[in-house]
C-alpha atoms as a PDB file:
ATOM      1  CA  ASP A   1      82.097  86.921  82.984  1.00  0.00           C
ATOM      2  CA  ASN A   2      82.362  85.111  86.708  1.00  0.00           C
ATOM      3  CA  HIS A   3      79.019  85.677  88.785  1.00  0.00           C
ATOM      4  CA  GLU A   4      80.903  87.837  91.515  1.00  0.00           C
ATOM      5  CA  ALA A   5      82.354  90.389  88.468  1.00  0.00           C
ATOM      6  CA  LYS A   6      78.258  90.412  87.387  1.00  0.00           C
ATOM      7  CA  MET A   7      77.278  91.352  90.511  1.00  0.00           C
ATOM      8  CA  LEU A   8      79.118  94.286  91.540  1.00  0.00           C
ATOM      9  CA  ARG A   9      79.081  95.457  88.178  1.00  0.00           C
ATOM     10  CA  GLU A  10      74.991  95.658  88.609  1.00  0.00           C
ATOM     11  CA  ASN A  11      74.962  97.174  92.136  1.00  0.00           C
ATOM     12  CA  PHE A  12      78.109  99.536  92.249  1.00  0.00           C
ATOM     13  CA  VAL A  13      79.865 102.159  89.960  1.00  0.00           C
ATOM     14  CA  PHE A  14      83.472 102.041  89.637  1.00  0.00           C
ATOM     15  CA  LYS A  15      85.614 105.146  89.307  1.00  0.00           C
ATOM     16  CA  ILE A  16      89.260 104.429  88.761  1.00  0.00           C
ATOM     17  CA  VAL A  17      91.882 107.363  88.682  1.00  0.00           C
ATOM     18  CA  PRO A  18      95.292 105.261  87.785  1.00  0.00           C
ATOM     19  CA  MET A  19      97.746 108.254  88.501  1.00  0.00           C
ATOM     20  CA  LEU A  20      97.073 111.549  89.489  1.00  0.00           C
ATOM     21  CA  ASN A  21     100.922 113.121  89.181  1.00  0.00           C
ATOM     22  CA  PRO A  22     101.398 111.735  85.760  1.00  0.00           C
ATOM     23  CA  ASP A  23     102.974 115.249  84.947  1.00  0.00           C
ATOM     24  CA  GLY A  24     105.976 114.388  87.596  1.00  0.00           C
ATOM     25  CA  VAL A  25     106.091 110.707  87.059  1.00  0.00           C
ATOM     26  CA  ILE A  26     106.852 111.697  82.899  1.00  0.00           C
ATOM     27  CA  ASN A  27     109.666 114.363  84.311  1.00  0.00           C
ATOM     28  CA  GLY A  28     111.212 111.912  86.799  1.00  0.00           C
ATOM     29  CA  ASN A  29     109.320 112.595  89.835  1.00  0.00           C
ATOM     30  CA  TYR A  30     108.464 109.840  92.157  1.00  0.00           C
ATOM     31  CA  ARG A  31     105.119 111.362  94.096  1.00  0.00           C
ATOM     32  CA  CYS A  32     105.201 115.127  93.342  1.00  0.00           C
ATOM     33  CA  SER A  33     103.635 117.195  90.498  1.00  0.00           C
ATOM     34  CA  LEU A  34     105.113 118.566  87.680  1.00  0.00           C
ATOM     35  CA  ALA A  35     104.975 121.633  89.913  1.00  0.00           C
ATOM     36  CA  GLY A  36     106.601 120.255  92.558  1.00  0.00           C
ATOM     37  CA  CYS A  37     103.908 119.483  94.705  1.00  0.00           C
ATOM     38  CA  ASP A  38     103.254 116.539  97.169  1.00  0.00           C
ATOM     39  CA  LEU A  39      99.892 115.907  95.609  1.00  0.00           C
ATOM     40  CA  ASN A  40      98.841 113.696  98.598  1.00  0.00           C
ATOM     41  CA  ARG A  41      98.869 116.548 100.920  1.00  0.00           C
ATOM     42  CA  ARG A  42      97.015 119.029  98.815  1.00  0.00           C
ATOM     43  CA  TRP A  43      93.448 117.526  99.194  1.00  0.00           C
ATOM     44  CA  LYS A  44      91.939 119.679 102.228  1.00  0.00           C
ATOM     45  CA  THR A  45      92.160 122.978  99.755  1.00  0.00           C
ATOM     46  CA  PRO A  46      93.555 121.825  96.562  1.00  0.00           C
ATOM     47  CA  SER A  47      94.104 124.615  93.916  1.00  0.00           C
ATOM     48  CA  LYS A  48      92.440 124.251  90.478  1.00  0.00           C
ATOM     49  CA  THR A  49      95.476 126.010  88.965  1.00  0.00           C
ATOM     50  CA  LEU A  50      98.012 124.180  91.001  1.00  0.00           C
ATOM     51  CA  HIS A  51      96.668 120.722  91.858  1.00  0.00           C
ATOM     52  CA  PRO A  52      94.005 120.287  88.712  1.00  0.00           C
ATOM     53  CA  THR A  53      93.943 116.156  89.044  1.00  0.00           C
ATOM     54  CA  ILE A  54      93.673 116.737  92.793  1.00  0.00           C
ATOM     55  CA  PHE A  55      90.797 119.414  92.740  1.00  0.00           C
ATOM     56  CA  TYR A  56      88.472 117.569  90.102  1.00  0.00           C
ATOM     57  CA  THR A  57      89.155 114.042  91.599  1.00  0.00           C
ATOM     58  CA  LYS A  58      87.942 115.411  94.955  1.00  0.00           C
ATOM     59  CA  ARG A  59      85.073 117.217  93.166  1.00  0.00           C
ATOM     60  CA  LEU A  60      84.054 114.257  91.175  1.00  0.00           C
ATOM     61  CA  VAL A  61      84.202 112.108  95.081  1.00  0.00           C
ATOM     62  CA  LYS A  62      81.702 114.260  96.075  1.00  0.00           C
ATOM     63  CA  GLN A  63      79.444 114.740  93.657  1.00  0.00           C
ATOM     64  CA  ILE A  64      78.802 110.694  93.291  1.00  0.00           C
ATOM     65  CA  HIS A  65      78.412 110.636  97.036  1.00  0.00           C
ATOM     66  CA  GLN A  66      75.467 113.012  96.851  1.00  0.00           C
ATOM     67  CA  GLU A  67      74.028 111.520  93.649  1.00  0.00           C
ATOM     68  CA  ARG A  68      74.341 107.415  94.930  1.00  0.00           C
ATOM     69  CA  GLY A  69      76.324 107.498  98.486  1.00  0.00           C
ATOM     70  CA  LEU A  70      80.098 106.244  98.409  1.00  0.00           C
ATOM     71  CA  VAL A  71      80.638 102.731  99.725  1.00  0.00           C
ATOM     72  CA  LEU A  72      83.937 102.795  99.533  1.00  0.00           C
ATOM     73  CA  TYR A  73      87.089 105.097  98.361  1.00  0.00           C
ATOM     74  CA  CYS A  74      90.676 103.834  98.679  1.00  0.00           C
ATOM     75  CA  ASP A  75      93.586 105.548  97.762  1.00  0.00           C
ATOM     76  CA  LEU A  76      96.552 103.123  96.429  1.00  0.00           C
ATOM     77  CA  HIS A  77      99.766 103.605  97.547  1.00  0.00           C
ATOM     78  CA  GLY A  78     103.180 101.981  98.105  1.00  0.00           C
ATOM     79  CA  HIS A  79     105.368 102.168 101.327  1.00  0.00           C
ATOM     80  CA  SER A  80     109.121 102.394 101.124  1.00  0.00           C
ATOM     81  CA  ARG A  81     109.640 101.295 104.937  1.00  0.00           C
ATOM     82  CA  LYS A  82     106.747  99.481 106.509  1.00  0.00           C
ATOM     83  CA  GLN A  83     106.228  95.388 105.136  1.00  0.00           C
ATOM     84  CA  ASN A  84     103.243  93.560 104.341  1.00  0.00           C
ATOM     85  CA  VAL A  85      99.577  95.345 102.850  1.00  0.00           C
ATOM     86  CA  PHE A  86      97.882  96.926 105.120  1.00  0.00           C
ATOM     87  CA  MET A  87      95.185  99.749 105.604  1.00  0.00           C
ATOM     88  CA  TYR A  88      94.740 103.310 107.053  1.00  0.00           C
ATOM     89  CA  GLY A  89      91.378 104.036 108.076  1.00  0.00           C
ATOM     90  CA  CYS A  90      89.989 106.704 110.561  1.00  0.00           C
ATOM     91  CA  ASN A  91      88.481 105.966 113.870  1.00  0.00           C
ATOM     92  CA  ASN A  92      85.191 107.033 114.918  1.00  0.00           C
ATOM     93  CA  LYS A  93      85.466 107.269 118.590  1.00  0.00           C
ATOM     94  CA  ASN A  94      81.726 107.160 119.102  1.00  0.00           C
ATOM     95  CA  ASN A  95      81.849 103.930 116.608  1.00  0.00           C
ATOM     96  CA  PRO A  96      85.462 102.325 116.241  1.00  0.00           C
ATOM     97  CA  GLY A  97      84.881  99.291 114.712  1.00  0.00           C
ATOM     98  CA  GLU A  98      82.607 101.110 111.988  1.00  0.00           C
ATOM     99  CA  CYS A  99      85.898 101.409 109.867  1.00  0.00           C
ATOM    100  CA  ARG A 100      87.651  97.886 111.099  1.00  0.00           C
ATOM    101  CA  ILE A 101      85.166  95.341 109.262  1.00  0.00           C
ATOM    102  CA  PHE A 102      85.955  96.016 105.750  1.00  0.00           C
ATOM    103  CA  PRO A 103      90.265  95.590 106.465  1.00  0.00           C
ATOM    104  CA  PHE A 104      88.718  92.983 108.298  1.00  0.00           C
ATOM    105  CA  ILE A 105      86.768  90.850 106.074  1.00  0.00           C
ATOM    106  CA  LEU A 106      89.864  91.519 103.566  1.00  0.00           C
ATOM    107  CA  SER A 107      92.646  90.075 105.890  1.00  0.00           C
ATOM    108  CA  LYS A 108      90.116  86.901 106.334  1.00  0.00           C
ATOM    109  CA  ILE A 109      89.994  86.180 102.460  1.00  0.00           C
ATOM    110  CA  ASN A 110      93.455  87.852 101.215  1.00  0.00           C
ATOM    111  CA  LYS A 111      96.840  85.706 102.349  1.00  0.00           C
ATOM    112  CA  TYR A 112      98.755  88.647 101.724  1.00  0.00           C
ATOM    113  CA  PHE A 113      96.761  91.616 103.703  1.00  0.00           C
ATOM    114  CA  CYS A 114      97.701  92.174 107.231  1.00  0.00           C
ATOM    115  CA  TYR A 115      94.912  93.409 109.609  1.00  0.00           C
ATOM    116  CA  ASP A 116      97.544  93.884 112.381  1.00  0.00           C
ATOM    117  CA  TYR A 117      99.746  96.479 110.398  1.00  0.00           C
ATOM    118  CA  SER A 118      96.522  98.785 109.602  1.00  0.00           C
ATOM    119  CA  ARG A 119      96.192 101.670 111.671  1.00  0.00           C
ATOM    120  CA  PHE A 120      92.669 103.706 111.954  1.00  0.00           C
ATOM    121  CA  GLY A 121      94.062 107.567 113.319  1.00  0.00           C
ATOM    122  CA  VAL A 122      93.245 110.611 112.339  1.00  0.00           C
ATOM    123  CA  GLN A 123      96.321 112.695 112.805  1.00  0.00           C
ATOM    124  CA  LYS A 124      96.636 116.481 112.251  1.00  0.00           C
ATOM    125  CA  SER A 125      99.588 115.775 110.556  1.00  0.00           C
ATOM    126  CA  LYS A 126      97.357 114.205 107.713  1.00  0.00           C
ATOM    127  CA  GLU A 127      94.460 116.521 107.416  1.00  0.00           C
ATOM    128  CA  ALA A 128      95.507 117.586 104.084  1.00  0.00           C
ATOM    129  CA  THR A 129      95.781 113.876 103.144  1.00  0.00           C
ATOM    130  CA  ALA A 130      92.882 112.081 100.671  1.00  0.00           C
ATOM    131  CA  ARG A 131      91.856 110.149 103.549  1.00  0.00           C
ATOM    132  CA  VAL A 132      91.609 112.478 106.327  1.00  0.00           C
ATOM    133  CA  ALA A 133      90.125 115.408 104.326  1.00  0.00           C
ATOM    134  CA  LEU A 134      87.229 113.629 102.633  1.00  0.00           C
ATOM    135  CA  TYR A 135      86.608 111.539 105.844  1.00  0.00           C
ATOM    136  CA  LYS A 136      85.945 115.228 107.779  1.00  0.00           C
ATOM    137  CA  GLU A 137      84.263 116.704 104.573  1.00  0.00           C
ATOM    138  CA  LEU A 138      81.705 113.749 103.553  1.00  0.00           C
ATOM    139  CA  LYS A 139      80.739 112.490 107.417  1.00  0.00           C
ATOM    140  CA  ASN A 140      78.978 109.235 107.779  1.00  0.00           C
ATOM    141  CA  VAL A 141      80.975 107.266 105.246  1.00  0.00           C
ATOM    142  CA  PRO A 142      83.600 104.585 107.260  1.00  0.00           C
ATOM    143  CA  ASN A 143      84.917 103.060 104.467  1.00  0.00           C
ATOM    144  CA  ILE A 144      87.625 105.831 103.300  1.00  0.00           C
ATOM    145  CA  TYR A 145      90.966 104.211 102.865  1.00  0.00           C
ATOM    146  CA  THR A 146      94.293 104.406 102.135  1.00  0.00           C
ATOM    147  CA  MET A 147      95.485 100.626 100.925  1.00  0.00           C
ATOM    148  CA  GLU A 148      99.434 100.284 101.334  1.00  0.00           C
ATOM    149  CA  SER A 149     101.843  98.016  99.905  1.00  0.00           C
ATOM    150  CA  THR A 150     105.073  97.343 100.565  1.00  0.00           C
ATOM    151  CA  PHE A 151     107.787  98.205  98.446  1.00  0.00           C
ATOM    152  CA  GLY A 152     110.471  95.781 100.708  1.00  0.00           C
ATOM    153  CA  GLY A 153     108.512  92.521 101.172  1.00  0.00           C
ATOM    154  CA  CYS A 154     106.173  90.764 103.554  1.00  0.00           C
ATOM    155  CA  ASP A 155     107.438  89.311 107.141  1.00  0.00           C
ATOM    156  CA  PHE A 156     104.393  86.813 107.476  1.00  0.00           C
ATOM    157  CA  GLY A 157     102.168  84.383 105.567  1.00  0.00           C
ATOM    158  CA  PRO A 158     103.086  82.728 102.385  1.00  0.00           C
ATOM    159  CA  ALA A 159     105.178  85.547 101.195  1.00  0.00           C
ATOM    160  CA  GLN A 160     107.445  85.750 103.965  1.00  0.00           C
ATOM    161  CA  GLY A 161     110.581  86.934 103.377  1.00  0.00           C
ATOM    162  CA  LYS A 162     109.557  87.651  99.430  1.00  0.00           C
ATOM    163  CA  HIS A 163     108.534  90.582  97.095  1.00  0.00           C
ATOM    164  CA  LEU A 164     105.241  91.147  96.541  1.00  0.00           C
ATOM    165  CA  THR A 165     104.488  89.901  92.465  1.00  0.00           C
ATOM    166  CA  SER A 166     102.147  91.433  89.951  1.00  0.00           C
ATOM    167  CA  GLU A 167     100.065  88.315  90.653  1.00  0.00           C
ATOM    168  CA  MET A 168      99.890  88.732  94.401  1.00  0.00           C
ATOM    169  CA  LEU A 169      99.091  92.229  93.814  1.00  0.00           C
ATOM    170  CA  GLU A 170      96.422  91.542  91.602  1.00  0.00           C
ATOM    171  CA  THR A 171      94.509  89.114  94.443  1.00  0.00           C
ATOM    172  CA  LEU A 172      94.417  92.099  96.394  1.00  0.00           C
ATOM    173  CA  GLY A 173      92.322  94.182  93.843  1.00  0.00           C
ATOM    174  CA  HIS A 174      90.081  91.208  93.149  1.00  0.00           C
ATOM    175  CA  ASP A 175      89.602  90.550  96.853  1.00  0.00           C
ATOM    176  CA  ALA A 176      89.023  94.087  97.838  1.00  0.00           C
ATOM    177  CA  CYS A 177      85.928  93.967  95.315  1.00  0.00           C
ATOM    178  CA  ARG A 178      84.609  90.551  96.753  1.00  0.00           C
ATOM    179  CA  ALA A 179      84.977  92.292 100.564  1.00  0.00           C
ATOM    180  CA  ILE A 180      82.648  94.732  98.753  1.00  0.00           C
ATOM    181  CA  LEU A 181      79.897  92.262  98.150  1.00  0.00           C
ATOM    182  CA  ILE A 182      80.531  90.558 101.776  1.00  0.00           C
ATOM    183  CA  TYR A 183      80.328  94.214 103.320  1.00  0.00           C
ATOM    184  CA  CYS A 184      77.173  95.121 101.649  1.00  0.00           C
ATOM    185  CA  ASN A 185      75.446  91.509 102.624  1.00  0.00           C
ATOM    186  CA  LEU A 186      75.203  90.639  98.705  1.00  0.00           C
ATOM    187  CA  TYR A 187      77.004  87.391  98.641  1.00  0.00           C
ATOM    188  CA  VAL A 188      79.955  85.330 100.416  1.00  0.00           C
ATOM    189  CA  PRO A 189      81.809  83.339  97.533  1.00  0.00           C
ATOM    190  CA  PRO A 190      81.049  79.463  98.389  1.00  0.00           C
ATOM    191  CA  GLU A 191      84.549  78.720  98.151  1.00  0.00           C
ATOM    192  CA  LEU A 192      85.183  80.836 101.430  1.00  0.00           C
ATOM    193  CA  HIS A 193      82.330  78.915 102.828  1.00  0.00           C
ATOM    194  CA  ASP A 194      84.748  76.776 104.854  1.00  0.00           C
ATOM    195  CA  LEU A 195      86.513  79.235 106.307  1.00  0.00           C
ATOM    196  CA  PRO A 196      85.929  79.045 110.284  1.00  0.00           C
ATOM    197  CA  PHE A 197      85.533  82.857 110.260  1.00  0.00           C
ATOM    198  CA  PHE A 198      82.836  82.570 107.596  1.00  0.00           C
ATOM    199  CA  LYS A 199      81.607  78.927 108.651  1.00  0.00           C
ATOM    200  CA  ASN A 200      80.070  80.335 111.968  1.00  0.00           C
ATOM    201  CA  ILE A 201      78.536  83.309 109.863  1.00  0.00           C
ATOM    202  CA  ILE A 202      76.669  80.865 107.476  1.00  0.00           C
ATOM    203  CA  VAL A 203      75.748  78.773 110.211  1.00  0.00           C
ATOM    204  CA  ALA A 204      74.249  81.850 111.866  1.00  0.00           C
ATOM    205  CA  LYS A 205      72.390  82.915 108.789  1.00  0.00           C
ATOM    206  CA  GLN A 206      70.866  79.361 108.009  1.00  0.00           C
ATOM    207  CA  GLN A 207      69.505  78.984 111.507  1.00  0.00           C
ATOM    208  CA  ALA A 208      68.007  82.415 110.793  1.00  0.00           C
ATOM    209  CA  ILE A 209      66.398  81.311 108.015  1.00  0.00           C
ATOM    210  CA  LYS A 210      65.169  78.211 109.839  1.00  0.00           C
ATOM    211  CA  LYS A 211      63.556  79.780 112.479  1.00  0.00           C
ATOM    212  CA  ALA A 212      61.788  82.442 109.843  1.00  0.00           C
ATOM    213  CA  SER A 213      60.554  79.465 107.626  1.00  0.00           C
ATOM    214  CA  SER A 214      59.075  78.063 110.837  1.00  0.00           C
ATOM    215  CA  GLN A 215      57.130  81.134 111.758  1.00  0.00           C
ATOM    216  CA  GLN A 216      55.916  81.289 108.496  1.00  0.00           C
ATOM    217  CA  LEU A 217      52.891  79.295 107.845  1.00  0.00           C
ATOM    218  CA  ASP A 218      52.106  79.902 104.290  1.00  0.00           C
ATOM    219  CA  LYS A 219      55.423  78.265 102.704  1.00  0.00           C
ATOM    220  CA  LYS A 220      54.715  79.805  99.523  1.00  0.00           C
ATOM    221  CA  LYS A 221      55.105  82.892 100.430  1.00  0.00           C
ATOM    222  CA  PHE A 222      57.898  82.700 102.611  1.00  0.00           C
ATOM    223  CA  LYS A 223      60.814  85.133 101.538  1.00  0.00           C
ATOM    224  CA  GLU A 224      64.402  84.249 102.734  1.00  0.00           C
ATOM    225  CA  PRO A 225      65.343  87.115 105.422  1.00  0.00           C
ATOM    226  CA  VAL A 226      68.229  89.769 104.574  1.00  0.00           C
ATOM    227  CA  TYR A 227      70.976  88.173 106.600  1.00  0.00           C
ATOM    228  CA  ASP A 228      73.626  91.177 108.442  1.00  0.00           C
ATOM    229  CA  PHE A 229      76.888  89.665 107.229  1.00  0.00           C
ATOM    230  CA  LYS A 230      78.713  93.349 108.532  1.00  0.00           C
ATOM    231  CA  SER A 231      76.728  93.123 112.011  1.00  0.00           C
ATOM    232  CA  ALA A 232      77.974  89.606 112.473  1.00  0.00           C
ATOM    233  CA  ILE A 233      81.640  90.321 111.913  1.00  0.00           C
ATOM    234  CA  LEU A 234      81.452  93.333 113.894  1.00  0.00           C
ATOM    235  CA  GLY A 235      80.485  91.336 116.428  1.00  0.00           C
ATOM    236  CA  GLU A 236      83.491  89.229 115.666  1.00  0.00           C
ATOM    237  CA  ILE A 237      85.141  92.458 116.028  1.00  0.00           C
ATOM    238  CA  ASN A 238      83.401  93.625 119.501  1.00  0.00           C
ATOM    239  CA  SER A 239      84.656  90.205 120.947  1.00  0.00           C
ATOM    240  CA  LYS A 240      88.123  90.387 120.160  1.00  0.00           C
ATOM    241  CA  PRO A 241      89.220  93.913 122.153  1.00  0.00           C
ATOM    242  CA  GLU A 242      92.907  93.215 121.152  1.00  0.00           C
ATOM    243  CA  LEU A 243      91.548  94.597 117.779  1.00  0.00           C
ATOM    244  CA  TYR A 244      91.275  97.898 118.758  1.00  0.00           C
ATOM    245  CA  ASN A 245      94.510  98.706 119.731  1.00  0.00           C
ATOM    246  CA  ASN A 246      95.987 100.022 116.394  1.00  0.00           C
ATOM    247  CA  VAL A 247      94.192 103.027 116.883  1.00  0.00           C
END
């Protein structure tokens, strides 16, 4: 019932697929279907007969994009070797910052998410994964990711040397939704205002409002300008070249 949840429901439609290989899992498989197919290597040309969950999920995603536009696609995975929680995204050589904005925001508001472990390459060997196949077909949608949650614990932050609990993982889901609000210039939760990263952006926004107000002669008709948080965050990323090293 909180304000953020209401804003999310008012502005976005969430489509959640809990599991793409229930037929395989119920028979003891880990990442394969009952047919023995690794479904995250079938997204490029899924078969309606052999990979129906991929076929229809892909069709749903493309349909939603045509009807409403897609803000975010996130494939949720567990990683058996790497530590921490991080994202794989798709690098656009002409605008490499665009795919880094969302995970960078998430790293600033969630203490278990590690931007440094995130990678943004588009390797040929991954062409049939959901991330790369959808990125290439949907075009101009930068926020297509795989979020990886470690099976082996964390090596930084408050969970260093520990396994992630269900409660810790729930905060990632919560903060991923909050990151959508920030990314789309809708809302920055008040408790984040004092964080150094957001404090600078909030101050810049207040200065922009003050300047616009002083230039508006009729105060009764004054409209607060829309402040572009996304551009401000991109400026922060661009000021730190080391943030582009993780291709």
